[in-house]
């Protein structure tokens, strides 16, 4: 769901699926289920990303700049979803 709803529109210029389409595709019961599932996928992604970025934090200025750029991108991504 994360890939289809959030990443495909950004990276492949695909149309963003509506919650009704997500309900049909993933066999969910309601728009609330779709929204909650998407929110959970965002949290899981953020947790994994945080773990990886912690490994690189403080290594050098270039890594810090790249991590900040990625975090900024994810904030914009979250606002779209």
Protein backbone atom coordinates (compact mmCIF):
# COMPACT_ATOMS: atom_id res chain seq x y z
CA UNK A 1 0.00 0.00 0.00
CA UNK A 2 2.85 2.40 0.85
CA UNK A 3 4.46 1.83 -2.52
CA UNK A 4 1.24 2.02 -4.49
CA UNK A 5 -0.34 5.00 -2.73
CA UNK A 6 2.77 7.10 -2.05
CA UNK A 7 5.82 6.04 -4.02
CA UNK A 8 4.38 5.18 -7.43
CA UNK A 9 2.86 8.65 -7.92
CA UNK A 10 6.15 10.31 -7.00
CA UNK A 11 8.67 8.13 -8.78
CA UNK A 12 6.63 6.91 -11.75
CA UNK A 13 4.21 9.81 -12.21
CA UNK A 14 1.33 7.39 -11.63
CA UNK A 15 -2.10 8.52 -10.54
CA UNK A 16 -2.61 8.30 -6.80
CA UNK A 17 -5.16 5.62 -5.97
CA UNK A 18 -8.22 6.70 -4.05
CA UNK A 19 -9.10 5.09 -0.74
CA UNK A 20 -11.98 3.30 -2.51
CA UNK A 21 -9.48 1.77 -4.92
CA UNK A 22 -7.23 0.77 -2.03
CA UNK A 23 -10.21 -0.83 -0.29
CA UNK A 24 -10.93 -2.94 -3.37
CA UNK A 25 -7.30 -3.84 -4.07
CA UNK A 26 -6.41 -4.82 -0.50
CA UNK A 27 -9.76 -6.20 0.64
CA UNK A 28 -10.29 -3.60 3.33
CA UNK A 29 -13.64 -2.77 4.91
CA UNK A 30 -13.74 1.03 4.86
CA UNK A 31 -11.87 4.23 4.07
CA UNK A 32 -10.95 4.34 7.76
CA UNK A 33 -9.28 0.91 7.44
CA UNK A 34 -7.40 2.13 4.38
CA UNK A 35 -6.29 5.30 6.15
CA UNK A 36 -5.21 3.40 9.28
CA UNK A 37 -3.32 0.82 7.24
CA UNK A 38 -1.52 3.53 5.31
CA UNK A 39 -0.66 5.35 8.52
CA UNK A 40 0.75 2.12 9.95
CA UNK A 41 2.89 1.57 6.86
CA UNK A 42 4.26 5.11 7.18
CA UNK A 43 5.14 4.49 10.84
CA UNK A 44 6.89 1.21 10.01
CA UNK A 45 8.84 2.86 7.20
CA UNK A 46 9.85 5.73 9.46
CA UNK A 47 11.01 3.34 12.18
CA UNK A 48 13.17 1.38 9.74
CA UNK A 49 14.53 4.54 8.19
CA UNK A 50 15.37 5.98 11.60
CA UNK A 51 17.29 2.84 12.48
CA UNK A 52 19.33 3.04 9.29
CA UNK A 53 19.99 6.77 9.53
CA UNK A 54 21.18 6.39 13.13
CA UNK A 55 23.96 4.18 11.81
CA UNK A 56 25.16 7.02 9.58
CA UNK A 57 24.54 9.94 11.93
CA UNK A 58 27.69 11.76 12.89
CA UNK A 59 29.89 10.01 10.35
CA UNK A 60 30.55 13.07 8.24
CA UNK A 61 28.97 16.29 7.01
CA UNK A 62 27.99 14.81 3.63
CA UNK A 63 26.02 12.00 5.27
CA UNK A 64 24.29 14.51 7.56
CA UNK A 65 23.27 16.66 4.58
CA UNK A 66 21.94 13.65 2.68
CA UNK A 67 19.98 12.42 5.70
CA UNK A 68 18.46 15.88 6.18
CA UNK A 69 17.48 16.00 2.50
CA UNK A 70 15.84 12.60 2.83
CA UNK A 71 13.97 13.65 5.96
CA UNK A 72 12.75 16.82 4.20
CA UNK A 73 11.57 14.71 1.27
CA UNK A 74 9.67 12.39 3.59
CA UNK A 75 7.94 15.31 5.29
CA UNK A 76 6.73 16.51 1.87
CA UNK A 77 5.71 12.96 1.03
CA UNK A 78 3.69 12.63 4.22
CA UNK A 79 1.81 15.83 3.44
CA UNK A 80 0.82 14.45 0.03
CA UNK A 81 -0.49 11.16 1.38
